[in-house]
Amino acid sequence: MSEVRAALPDISTVKPDLVVPALVDGKPGAGRRVKEVLPQYEGTGVYHVLYLPKDWRPGQRYPVVVEYAGNGPYRNRNRDISSGRVEGSRMGYGIAGGDSYIWLCLPYLNGRGTANVRRWWGSKPEYDARPTVSYCLEAVKHICAQFGGDRERLVLCGFSRGAIACNFIGLYDDRVAGLWRAFIPYSHYDGARQWEYPGSDRASALQRLRRLGSRPQFVCSEGSQFKETAQYLIESGVKGNFTFRGTGFRNHSDAWLLRPSKTRSELRNWLAEVLK
């Protein structure tokens, strides 16, 4: 752990002002967070989690925060945890605060597209992301058609593995890359480091990054890790619309967004401006 990160406060020193709603059975509805299965995936182990805002009404349109989770199971010395499951995600709720935004937590699928996976995407050794990308496309179409998601205001966010997925999955090909209005990768970034799965090298990441264009990204991290991403992007030669921030906490945890902070306020203001 760097000295800079160690000197930052732990999230436990700030009282949460948000609590992620409990996962309940039944159909989606205003203020309800439910597990849902797309019709074409009935009978498999694949599912996502959907939250409709407290002010949701049929027939109206809402921006959608789409989220990818970190790897799991994970625990560190600061008691930060990640289950690796869609139901463990917290970013989108912290960003939106429970109102005005639909929050959709998407899974990573195994290589056969028959189950959610907790580490990376696909199955070893190929780590084929195509089933995950296909599910993303179908789920977004479903949410927009059934619950009023606004296709012009889709925002992709993710923590750790999910931060990498913002580009690796979200910019995987032209079909999925065209969905998004903006991106919020928190802690890590596609191409900044090489990982165990194929396609994590910089040359491959650059091909994905070129699909970003001028769309904005709010790149944030614990400590000063975002500076590594900023340096990578300078070296990539890609001219984009990037905002860089530290969370102000030492933790590798998306639970920082359930607490008031300067960076959360800046993120919310940034998002409101982006979606105007």
C-alpha atoms as a PDB file:
ATOM      1  CA  MET A   1       0.000   0.000   0.000  1.00  0.00           C
ATOM      2  CA  SER A   2       1.406   3.406  -0.927  1.00  0.00           C
ATOM      3  CA  GLU A   3       2.068   5.975   1.789  1.00  0.00           C
ATOM      4  CA  VAL A   4      -0.422   8.326   0.118  1.00  0.00           C
ATOM      5  CA  ARG A   5      -3.213   5.778   0.246  1.00  0.00           C
ATOM      6  CA  ALA A   6      -2.338   4.764   3.815  1.00  0.00           C
ATOM      7  CA  ALA A   7      -2.631   8.401   4.948  1.00  0.00           C
ATOM      8  CA  LEU A   8      -6.159   8.745   3.609  1.00  0.00           C
ATOM      9  CA  PRO A   9      -9.160   8.103   5.877  1.00  0.00           C
ATOM     10  CA  ASP A  10     -11.043   4.824   5.927  1.00  0.00           C
ATOM     11  CA  ILE A  11     -14.663   4.898   4.769  1.00  0.00           C
ATOM     12  CA  SER A  12     -15.653   3.691   8.238  1.00  0.00           C
ATOM     13  CA  THR A  13     -14.866   7.191   9.526  1.00  0.00           C
ATOM     14  CA  VAL A  14     -17.759   8.665   7.522  1.00  0.00           C
ATOM     15  CA  LYS A  15     -21.326   7.647   8.286  1.00  0.00           C
ATOM     16  CA  PRO A  16     -23.276   6.382   5.245  1.00  0.00           C
ATOM     17  CA  ASP A  17     -26.214   8.495   4.129  1.00  0.00           C
ATOM     18  CA  LEU A  18     -27.446   5.774   1.779  1.00  0.00           C
ATOM     19  CA  VAL A  19     -28.321   2.097   2.255  1.00  0.00           C
ATOM     20  CA  VAL A  20     -28.720  -0.123  -0.802  1.00  0.00           C
ATOM     21  CA  PRO A  21     -32.307  -1.458  -0.803  1.00  0.00           C
ATOM     22  CA  ALA A  22     -32.711  -5.116   0.068  1.00  0.00           C
ATOM     23  CA  LEU A  23     -33.128  -7.530  -2.813  1.00  0.00           C
ATOM     24  CA  VAL A  24     -36.791  -8.595  -2.876  1.00  0.00           C
ATOM     25  CA  ASP A  25     -38.824 -11.200  -4.740  1.00  0.00           C
ATOM     26  CA  GLY A  26     -41.457 -10.297  -7.276  1.00  0.00           C
ATOM     27  CA  LYS A  27     -41.838  -7.939 -10.194  1.00  0.00           C
ATOM     28  CA  PRO A  28     -39.951  -4.661 -10.650  1.00  0.00           C
ATOM     29  CA  GLY A  29     -41.640  -1.549  -9.278  1.00  0.00           C
ATOM     30  CA  ALA A  30     -40.860   1.918  -7.959  1.00  0.00           C
ATOM     31  CA  GLY A  31     -38.245   1.725  -5.202  1.00  0.00           C
ATOM     32  CA  ARG A  32     -37.844  -2.054  -5.594  1.00  0.00           C
ATOM     33  CA  ARG A  33     -34.594  -3.912  -6.233  1.00  0.00           C
ATOM     34  CA  VAL A  34     -35.208  -7.312  -7.805  1.00  0.00           C
ATOM     35  CA  LYS A  35     -33.447 -10.192  -9.494  1.00  0.00           C
ATOM     36  CA  GLU A  36     -34.559 -10.562 -13.107  1.00  0.00           C
ATOM     37  CA  VAL A  37     -33.963 -13.111 -15.871  1.00  0.00           C
ATOM     38  CA  LEU A  38     -34.320 -12.283 -19.552  1.00  0.00           C
ATOM     39  CA  PRO A  39     -36.885 -14.534 -21.287  1.00  0.00           C
ATOM     40  CA  GLN A  40     -34.262 -16.078 -23.553  1.00  0.00           C
ATOM     41  CA  TYR A  41     -32.179 -17.079 -20.501  1.00  0.00           C
ATOM     42  CA  GLU A  42     -34.936 -18.817 -18.537  1.00  0.00           C
ATOM     43  CA  GLY A  43     -33.675 -22.148 -17.223  1.00  0.00           C
ATOM     44  CA  THR A  44     -30.030 -21.021 -17.062  1.00  0.00           C
ATOM     45  CA  GLY A  45     -28.066 -19.626 -14.149  1.00  0.00           C
ATOM     46  CA  VAL A  46     -27.885 -16.162 -15.740  1.00  0.00           C
ATOM     47  CA  TYR A  47     -29.584 -13.174 -14.107  1.00  0.00           C
ATOM     48  CA  HIS A  48     -29.219  -9.443 -13.518  1.00  0.00           C
ATOM     49  CA  VAL A  49     -30.423  -7.073 -10.800  1.00  0.00           C
ATOM     50  CA  LEU A  50     -32.741  -4.154 -11.549  1.00  0.00           C
ATOM     51  CA  TYR A  51     -33.702  -1.169  -9.414  1.00  0.00           C
ATOM     52  CA  LEU A  52     -36.429   1.258 -10.480  1.00  0.00           C
ATOM     53  CA  PRO A  53     -36.210   4.677  -8.801  1.00  0.00           C
ATOM     54  CA  LYS A  54     -38.652   5.738  -6.123  1.00  0.00           C
ATOM     55  CA  ASP A  55     -40.130   8.301  -8.524  1.00  0.00           C
ATOM     56  CA  TRP A  56     -40.564   5.771 -11.363  1.00  0.00           C
ATOM     57  CA  ARG A  57     -43.844   5.893 -13.306  1.00  0.00           C
ATOM     58  CA  PRO A  58     -44.915   3.805 -16.317  1.00  0.00           C
ATOM     59  CA  GLY A  59     -44.741   5.668 -19.596  1.00  0.00           C
ATOM     60  CA  GLN A  60     -41.954   8.043 -18.553  1.00  0.00           C
ATOM     61  CA  ARG A  61     -38.315   7.967 -19.646  1.00  0.00           C
ATOM     62  CA  TYR A  62     -35.362   7.681 -17.270  1.00  0.00           C
ATOM     63  CA  PRO A  63     -31.582   7.714 -17.617  1.00  0.00           C
ATOM     64  CA  VAL A  64     -30.031   4.326 -16.869  1.00  0.00           C
ATOM     65  CA  VAL A  65     -26.884   3.673 -14.834  1.00  0.00           C
ATOM     66  CA  VAL A  66     -25.561   0.290 -15.964  1.00  0.00           C
ATOM     67  CA  GLU A  67     -23.034  -1.294 -13.617  1.00  0.00           C
ATOM     68  CA  TYR A  68     -20.462  -4.092 -13.686  1.00  0.00           C
ATOM     69  CA  ALA A  69     -19.122  -5.564 -10.431  1.00  0.00           C
ATOM     70  CA  GLY A  70     -15.576  -6.227  -9.267  1.00  0.00           C
ATOM     71  CA  ASN A  71     -13.931  -9.633  -9.043  1.00  0.00           C
ATOM     72  CA  GLY A  72     -14.775 -11.870  -6.115  1.00  0.00           C
ATOM     73  CA  PRO A  73     -14.549 -13.250  -3.600  1.00  0.00           C
ATOM     74  CA  TYR A  74     -12.193 -10.502  -2.437  1.00  0.00           C
ATOM     75  CA  ARG A  75     -11.160  -9.155   0.963  1.00  0.00           C
ATOM     76  CA  ASN A  76      -8.217  -6.984   1.980  1.00  0.00           C
ATOM     77  CA  ARG A  77      -6.566  -5.662   5.158  1.00  0.00           C
ATOM     78  CA  ASN A  78      -8.993  -2.704   5.279  1.00  0.00           C
ATOM     79  CA  ARG A  79     -11.926  -5.137   5.449  1.00  0.00           C
ATOM     80  CA  ASP A  80     -12.981  -4.138   1.939  1.00  0.00           C
ATOM     81  CA  ILE A  81     -14.958  -6.924   0.305  1.00  0.00           C
ATOM     82  CA  SER A  82     -16.318  -7.790  -3.117  1.00  0.00           C
ATOM     83  CA  SER A  83     -18.495 -10.832  -3.733  1.00  0.00           C
ATOM     84  CA  GLY A  84     -18.076 -10.705  -7.505  1.00  0.00           C
ATOM     85  CA  ARG A  85     -21.851 -11.059  -7.861  1.00  0.00           C
ATOM     86  CA  VAL A  86     -24.272  -8.608  -9.451  1.00  0.00           C
ATOM     87  CA  GLU A  87     -26.239  -8.298  -6.208  1.00  0.00           C
ATOM     88  CA  GLY A  88     -23.129  -7.051  -4.408  1.00  0.00           C
ATOM     89  CA  SER A  89     -22.830  -3.907  -6.540  1.00  0.00           C
ATOM     90  CA  ARG A  90     -23.276  -0.489  -4.923  1.00  0.00           C
ATOM     91  CA  MET A  91     -21.865   2.135  -7.290  1.00  0.00           C
ATOM     92  CA  GLY A  92     -25.011   2.941  -9.223  1.00  0.00           C
ATOM     93  CA  TYR A  93     -27.111   3.442  -6.129  1.00  0.00           C
ATOM     94  CA  GLY A  94     -24.510   5.750  -4.628  1.00  0.00           C
ATOM     95  CA  ILE A  95     -24.273   7.755  -7.828  1.00  0.00           C
ATOM     96  CA  ALA A  96     -28.028   8.139  -8.282  1.00  0.00           C
ATOM     97  CA  GLY A  97     -29.138   8.189  -4.644  1.00  0.00           C
ATOM     98  CA  GLY A  98     -32.292   6.183  -5.297  1.00  0.00           C
ATOM     99  CA  ASP A  99     -34.186   8.721  -7.404  1.00  0.00           C
ATOM    100  CA  SER A 100     -34.470   9.715 -11.064  1.00  0.00           C
ATOM    101  CA  TYR A 101     -32.243   6.943 -12.479  1.00  0.00           C
ATOM    102  CA  ILE A 102     -32.887   3.317 -13.351  1.00  0.00           C
ATOM    103  CA  TRP A 103     -30.035   1.198 -11.967  1.00  0.00           C
ATOM    104  CA  LEU A 104     -29.141  -2.000 -13.846  1.00  0.00           C
ATOM    105  CA  CYS A 105     -26.460  -4.391 -12.561  1.00  0.00           C
ATOM    106  CA  LEU A 106     -25.292  -6.708 -15.318  1.00  0.00           C
ATOM    107  CA  PRO A 107     -23.531 -10.079 -15.056  1.00  0.00           C
ATOM    108  CA  TYR A 108     -20.443 -11.476 -16.705  1.00  0.00           C
ATOM    109  CA  LEU A 109     -21.307 -14.792 -18.383  1.00  0.00           C
ATOM    110  CA  ASN A 110     -19.305 -17.991 -18.700  1.00  0.00           C
ATOM    111  CA  GLY A 111     -18.075 -19.123 -22.093  1.00  0.00           C
ATOM    112  CA  ARG A 112     -21.288 -21.021 -22.878  1.00  0.00           C
ATOM    113  CA  GLY A 113     -23.535 -18.186 -21.780  1.00  0.00           C
ATOM    114  CA  THR A 114     -25.285 -20.385 -19.204  1.00  0.00           C
ATOM    115  CA  ALA A 115     -24.191 -18.914 -15.843  1.00  0.00           C
ATOM    116  CA  ASN A 116     -22.866 -15.785 -14.153  1.00  0.00           C
ATOM    117  CA  VAL A 117     -19.184 -15.815 -13.195  1.00  0.00           C
ATOM    118  CA  ARG A 118     -17.489 -14.089 -10.248  1.00  0.00           C
ATOM    119  CA  ARG A 119     -14.022 -13.629 -11.765  1.00  0.00           C
ATOM    120  CA  TRP A 120     -13.373 -11.831 -15.050  1.00  0.00           C
ATOM    121  CA  TRP A 121     -15.660 -13.019 -17.877  1.00  0.00           C
ATOM    122  CA  GLY A 122     -16.049 -16.105 -20.025  1.00  0.00           C
ATOM    123  CA  SER A 123     -14.270 -19.346 -19.061  1.00  0.00           C
ATOM    124  CA  LYS A 124     -10.583 -20.229 -18.762  1.00  0.00           C
ATOM    125  CA  PRO A 125      -8.380 -20.115 -20.733  1.00  0.00           C
ATOM    126  CA  GLU A 126     -10.187 -18.210 -23.491  1.00  0.00           C
ATOM    127  CA  TYR A 127     -12.066 -15.707 -21.280  1.00  0.00           C
ATOM    128  CA  ASP A 128     -14.428 -15.134 -24.196  1.00  0.00           C
ATOM    129  CA  ALA A 129     -16.309 -11.879 -23.563  1.00  0.00           C
ATOM    130  CA  ARG A 130     -18.840 -12.304 -26.396  1.00  0.00           C
ATOM    131  CA  PRO A 131     -21.583 -13.957 -24.276  1.00  0.00           C
ATOM    132  CA  THR A 132     -21.249 -11.091 -21.774  1.00  0.00           C
ATOM    133  CA  VAL A 133     -21.483  -8.479 -24.539  1.00  0.00           C
ATOM    134  CA  SER A 134     -24.516 -10.198 -26.046  1.00  0.00           C
ATOM    135  CA  TYR A 135     -26.284 -10.233 -22.685  1.00  0.00           C
ATOM    136  CA  CYS A 136     -25.539  -6.545 -22.209  1.00  0.00           C
ATOM    137  CA  LEU A 137     -27.137  -5.691 -25.552  1.00  0.00           C
ATOM    138  CA  GLU A 138     -30.251  -7.757 -24.815  1.00  0.00           C
ATOM    139  CA  ALA A 139     -30.646  -6.506 -21.243  1.00  0.00           C
ATOM    140  CA  VAL A 140     -30.356  -2.841 -22.202  1.00  0.00           C
ATOM    141  CA  LYS A 141     -32.910  -3.324 -24.974  1.00  0.00           C
ATOM    142  CA  HIS A 142     -35.250  -5.029 -22.498  1.00  0.00           C
ATOM    143  CA  ILE A 143     -34.934  -2.317 -19.836  1.00  0.00           C
ATOM    144  CA  CYS A 144     -35.534   0.455 -22.338  1.00  0.00           C
ATOM    145  CA  ALA A 145     -38.563  -1.276 -23.869  1.00  0.00           C
ATOM    146  CA  GLN A 146     -40.192  -2.464 -20.655  1.00  0.00           C
ATOM    147  CA  PHE A 147     -39.327   0.157 -18.039  1.00  0.00           C
ATOM    148  CA  GLY A 148     -38.724   3.425 -19.832  1.00  0.00           C
ATOM    149  CA  GLY A 149     -34.952   3.420 -20.001  1.00  0.00           C
ATOM    150  CA  ASP A 150     -33.790   6.279 -22.207  1.00  0.00           C
ATOM    151  CA  ARG A 151     -31.495   4.981 -24.942  1.00  0.00           C
ATOM    152  CA  GLU A 152     -30.006   8.465 -25.281  1.00  0.00           C
ATOM    153  CA  ARG A 153     -28.979   8.570 -21.600  1.00  0.00           C
ATOM    154  CA  LEU A 154     -27.206   5.283 -20.871  1.00  0.00           C
ATOM    155  CA  VAL A 155     -24.231   5.531 -18.517  1.00  0.00           C
ATOM    156  CA  LEU A 156     -21.806   2.651 -17.937  1.00  0.00           C
ATOM    157  CA  CYS A 157     -19.977   2.355 -14.616  1.00  0.00           C
ATOM    158  CA  GLY A 158     -17.990  -0.283 -12.791  1.00  0.00           C
ATOM    159  CA  PHE A 159     -15.697  -1.011  -9.855  1.00  0.00           C
ATOM    160  CA  SER A 160     -12.282  -2.705 -10.217  1.00  0.00           C
ATOM    161  CA  ARG A 161     -12.970  -5.525 -12.731  1.00  0.00           C
ATOM    162  CA  GLY A 162     -16.025  -3.441 -13.620  1.00  0.00           C
ATOM    163  CA  ALA A 163     -13.867  -0.385 -14.256  1.00  0.00           C
ATOM    164  CA  ILE A 164     -11.854  -2.412 -16.763  1.00  0.00           C
ATOM    165  CA  ALA A 165     -15.131  -3.701 -18.201  1.00  0.00           C
ATOM    166  CA  CYS A 166     -16.238  -0.142 -18.973  1.00  0.00           C
ATOM    167  CA  ASN A 167     -13.937  -0.314 -21.992  1.00  0.00           C
ATOM    168  CA  PHE A 168     -13.285  -4.051 -22.379  1.00  0.00           C
ATOM    169  CA  ILE A 169     -17.016  -4.897 -22.481  1.00  0.00           C
ATOM    170  CA  GLY A 170     -18.518  -1.469 -23.108  1.00  0.00           C
ATOM    171  CA  LEU A 171     -16.293  -0.728 -26.119  1.00  0.00           C
ATOM    172  CA  TYR A 172     -15.827  -4.356 -27.190  1.00  0.00           C
ATOM    173  CA  ASP A 173     -17.296  -3.811 -30.670  1.00  0.00           C
ATOM    174  CA  ASP A 174     -19.223  -1.140 -32.551  1.00  0.00           C
ATOM    175  CA  ARG A 175     -22.624  -2.543 -31.519  1.00  0.00           C
ATOM    176  CA  VAL A 176     -22.135  -2.214 -27.775  1.00  0.00           C
ATOM    177  CA  ALA A 177     -19.866   0.837 -27.990  1.00  0.00           C
ATOM    178  CA  GLY A 178     -22.679   2.826 -29.579  1.00  0.00           C
ATOM    179  CA  LEU A 179     -24.945   2.492 -26.537  1.00  0.00           C
ATOM    180  CA  TRP A 180     -23.266   4.780 -24.056  1.00  0.00           C
ATOM    181  CA  ARG A 181     -23.498   8.488 -23.319  1.00  0.00           C
ATOM    182  CA  ALA A 182     -20.775   8.445 -20.637  1.00  0.00           C
ATOM    183  CA  PHE A 183     -18.581   6.155 -18.510  1.00  0.00           C
ATOM    184  CA  ILE A 184     -17.542   6.029 -14.847  1.00  0.00           C
ATOM    185  CA  PRO A 185     -14.654   3.576 -14.292  1.00  0.00           C
ATOM    186  CA  TYR A 186     -13.643   3.375 -10.621  1.00  0.00           C
ATOM    187  CA  SER A 187     -10.299   1.788  -9.651  1.00  0.00           C
ATOM    188  CA  HIS A 188      -8.400   0.311 -12.636  1.00  0.00           C
ATOM    189  CA  TYR A 189      -8.665   0.969 -16.358  1.00  0.00           C
ATOM    190  CA  ASP A 190      -8.527  -1.189 -19.467  1.00  0.00           C
ATOM    191  CA  GLY A 191      -4.971  -1.184 -20.844  1.00  0.00           C
ATOM    192  CA  ALA A 192      -3.260   0.527 -17.917  1.00  0.00           C
ATOM    193  CA  ARG A 193      -2.036  -2.870 -16.662  1.00  0.00           C
ATOM    194  CA  GLN A 194      -1.834  -6.326 -18.204  1.00  0.00           C
ATOM    195  CA  TRP A 195      -3.937  -9.080 -16.609  1.00  0.00           C
ATOM    196  CA  GLU A 196      -4.356 -12.832 -17.009  1.00  0.00           C
ATOM    197  CA  TYR A 197      -6.980 -12.823 -19.777  1.00  0.00           C
ATOM    198  CA  PRO A 198      -6.259 -12.484 -23.523  1.00  0.00           C
ATOM    199  CA  GLY A 199      -6.663  -9.002 -24.927  1.00  0.00           C
ATOM    200  CA  SER A 200      -5.512  -7.115 -21.832  1.00  0.00           C
ATOM    201  CA  ASP A 201      -2.390  -5.862 -23.650  1.00  0.00           C
ATOM    202  CA  ARG A 202      -2.116  -2.212 -24.609  1.00  0.00           C
ATOM    203  CA  ALA A 203      -2.421  -2.738 -28.348  1.00  0.00           C
ATOM    204  CA  SER A 204      -5.770  -4.529 -27.909  1.00  0.00           C
ATOM    205  CA  ALA A 205      -6.978  -1.977 -25.358  1.00  0.00           C
ATOM    206  CA  LEU A 206      -6.126   0.843 -27.742  1.00  0.00           C
ATOM    207  CA  GLN A 207      -8.395  -0.626 -30.403  1.00  0.00           C
ATOM    208  CA  ARG A 208     -11.266  -0.510 -27.909  1.00  0.00           C
ATOM    209  CA  LEU A 209     -10.353   2.952 -26.642  1.00  0.00           C
ATOM    210  CA  ARG A 210     -10.566   4.373 -30.161  1.00  0.00           C
ATOM    211  CA  ARG A 211     -14.297   3.591 -30.118  1.00  0.00           C
ATOM    212  CA  LEU A 212     -14.770   6.064 -27.255  1.00  0.00           C
ATOM    213  CA  GLY A 213     -14.519   9.215 -29.325  1.00  0.00           C
ATOM    214  CA  SER A 214     -15.406  12.427 -27.504  1.00  0.00           C
ATOM    215  CA  ARG A 215     -17.745  10.830 -24.958  1.00  0.00           C
ATOM    216  CA  PRO A 216     -16.829  11.748 -21.375  1.00  0.00           C
ATOM    217  CA  GLN A 217     -15.325   9.474 -18.751  1.00  0.00           C
ATOM    218  CA  PHE A 218     -15.094  10.218 -15.030  1.00  0.00           C
ATOM    219  CA  VAL A 219     -12.018   8.198 -14.047  1.00  0.00           C
ATOM    220  CA  CYS A 220     -11.679   7.798 -10.282  1.00  0.00           C
ATOM    221  CA  SER A 221      -9.704   5.685  -7.835  1.00  0.00           C
ATOM    222  CA  GLU A 222      -8.639   5.316  -4.240  1.00  0.00           C
ATOM    223  CA  GLY A 223      -5.401   7.092  -3.449  1.00  0.00           C
ATOM    224  CA  SER A 224      -3.627   8.420  -6.530  1.00  0.00           C
ATOM    225  CA  GLN A 225      -4.041   5.358  -8.727  1.00  0.00           C
ATOM    226  CA  PHE A 226      -5.955   7.458 -11.265  1.00  0.00           C
ATOM    227  CA  LYS A 227      -2.607   9.083 -12.140  1.00  0.00           C
ATOM    228  CA  GLU A 228      -1.463   5.751 -13.598  1.00  0.00           C
ATOM    229  CA  THR A 229      -4.505   5.791 -15.871  1.00  0.00           C
ATOM    230  CA  ALA A 230      -3.910   9.420 -16.813  1.00  0.00           C
ATOM    231  CA  GLN A 231      -0.331   8.597 -17.807  1.00  0.00           C
ATOM    232  CA  TYR A 232      -1.479   5.590 -19.824  1.00  0.00           C
ATOM    233  CA  LEU A 233      -3.998   7.737 -21.699  1.00  0.00           C
ATOM    234  CA  ILE A 234      -1.333  10.351 -22.470  1.00  0.00           C
ATOM    235  CA  GLU A 235       0.916   7.606 -23.840  1.00  0.00           C
ATOM    236  CA  SER A 236      -1.962   6.156 -25.879  1.00  0.00           C
ATOM    237  CA  GLY A 237      -2.183   9.328 -27.935  1.00  0.00           C
ATOM    238  CA  VAL A 238      -5.989   9.241 -27.742  1.00  0.00           C
ATOM    239  CA  LYS A 239      -7.522  12.668 -27.207  1.00  0.00           C
ATOM    240  CA  GLY A 240     -10.617  12.183 -25.067  1.00  0.00           C
ATOM    241  CA  ASN A 241     -12.893  13.935 -22.605  1.00  0.00           C
ATOM    242  CA  PHE A 242     -11.453  12.658 -19.317  1.00  0.00           C
ATOM    243  CA  THR A 243     -11.988  13.830 -15.739  1.00  0.00           C
ATOM    244  CA  PHE A 244      -9.669  12.380 -13.065  1.00  0.00           C
ATOM    245  CA  ARG A 245     -10.393  12.278  -9.342  1.00  0.00           C
ATOM    246  CA  GLY A 246      -9.332  10.452  -6.200  1.00  0.00           C
ATOM    247  CA  THR A 247     -12.126   9.274  -3.939  1.00  0.00           C
ATOM    248  CA  GLY A 248     -10.501  10.781  -0.848  1.00  0.00           C
ATOM    249  CA  PHE A 249     -10.546   7.383   0.881  1.00  0.00           C
ATOM    250  CA  ARG A 250      -7.978   4.594   1.139  1.00  0.00           C
ATOM    251  CA  ASN A 251     -10.441   1.795   0.440  1.00  0.00           C
ATOM    252  CA  HIS A 252     -10.705  -0.448  -2.592  1.00  0.00           C
ATOM    253  CA  SER A 253     -14.473  -0.523  -2.225  1.00  0.00           C
ATOM    254  CA  ASP A 254     -17.484   0.880  -4.058  1.00  0.00           C
ATOM    255  CA  ALA A 255     -19.066   1.583  -0.656  1.00  0.00           C
ATOM    256  CA  TRP A 256     -17.399   5.031  -0.671  1.00  0.00           C
ATOM    257  CA  LEU A 257     -20.280   6.177  -2.867  1.00  0.00           C
ATOM    258  CA  LEU A 258     -22.788   5.456  -0.096  1.00  0.00           C
ATOM    259  CA  ARG A 259     -21.167   8.269   1.920  1.00  0.00           C
ATOM    260  CA  PRO A 260     -21.047  12.032   1.403  1.00  0.00           C
ATOM    261  CA  SER A 261     -17.766  13.290  -0.048  1.00  0.00           C
ATOM    262  CA  LYS A 262     -16.424  16.040  -2.255  1.00  0.00           C
ATOM    263  CA  THR A 263     -15.736  13.583  -5.066  1.00  0.00           C
ATOM    264  CA  ARG A 264     -19.251  12.107  -4.936  1.00  0.00           C
ATOM    265  CA  SER A 265     -20.704  15.601  -5.209  1.00  0.00           C
ATOM    266  CA  GLU A 266     -18.421  16.386  -8.142  1.00  0.00           C
ATOM    267  CA  LEU A 267     -19.382  13.115  -9.826  1.00  0.00           C
ATOM    268  CA  ARG A 268     -23.099  13.787  -9.456  1.00  0.00           C
ATOM    269  CA  ASN A 269     -22.709  17.318 -10.831  1.00  0.00           C
ATOM    270  CA  TRP A 270     -20.606  16.011 -13.716  1.00  0.00           C
ATOM    271  CA  LEU A 271     -23.237  13.404 -14.570  1.00  0.00           C
ATOM    272  CA  ALA A 272     -26.100  15.891 -14.465  1.00  0.00           C
ATOM    273  CA  GLU A 273     -24.189  18.125 -16.870  1.00  0.00           C
ATOM    274  CA  VAL A 274     -23.318  15.225 -19.185  1.00  0.00           C
ATOM    275  CA  LEU A 275     -26.959  14.133 -19.419  1.00  0.00           C
ATOM    276  CA  LYS A 276     -28.410  17.584 -20.157  1.00  0.00           C
END
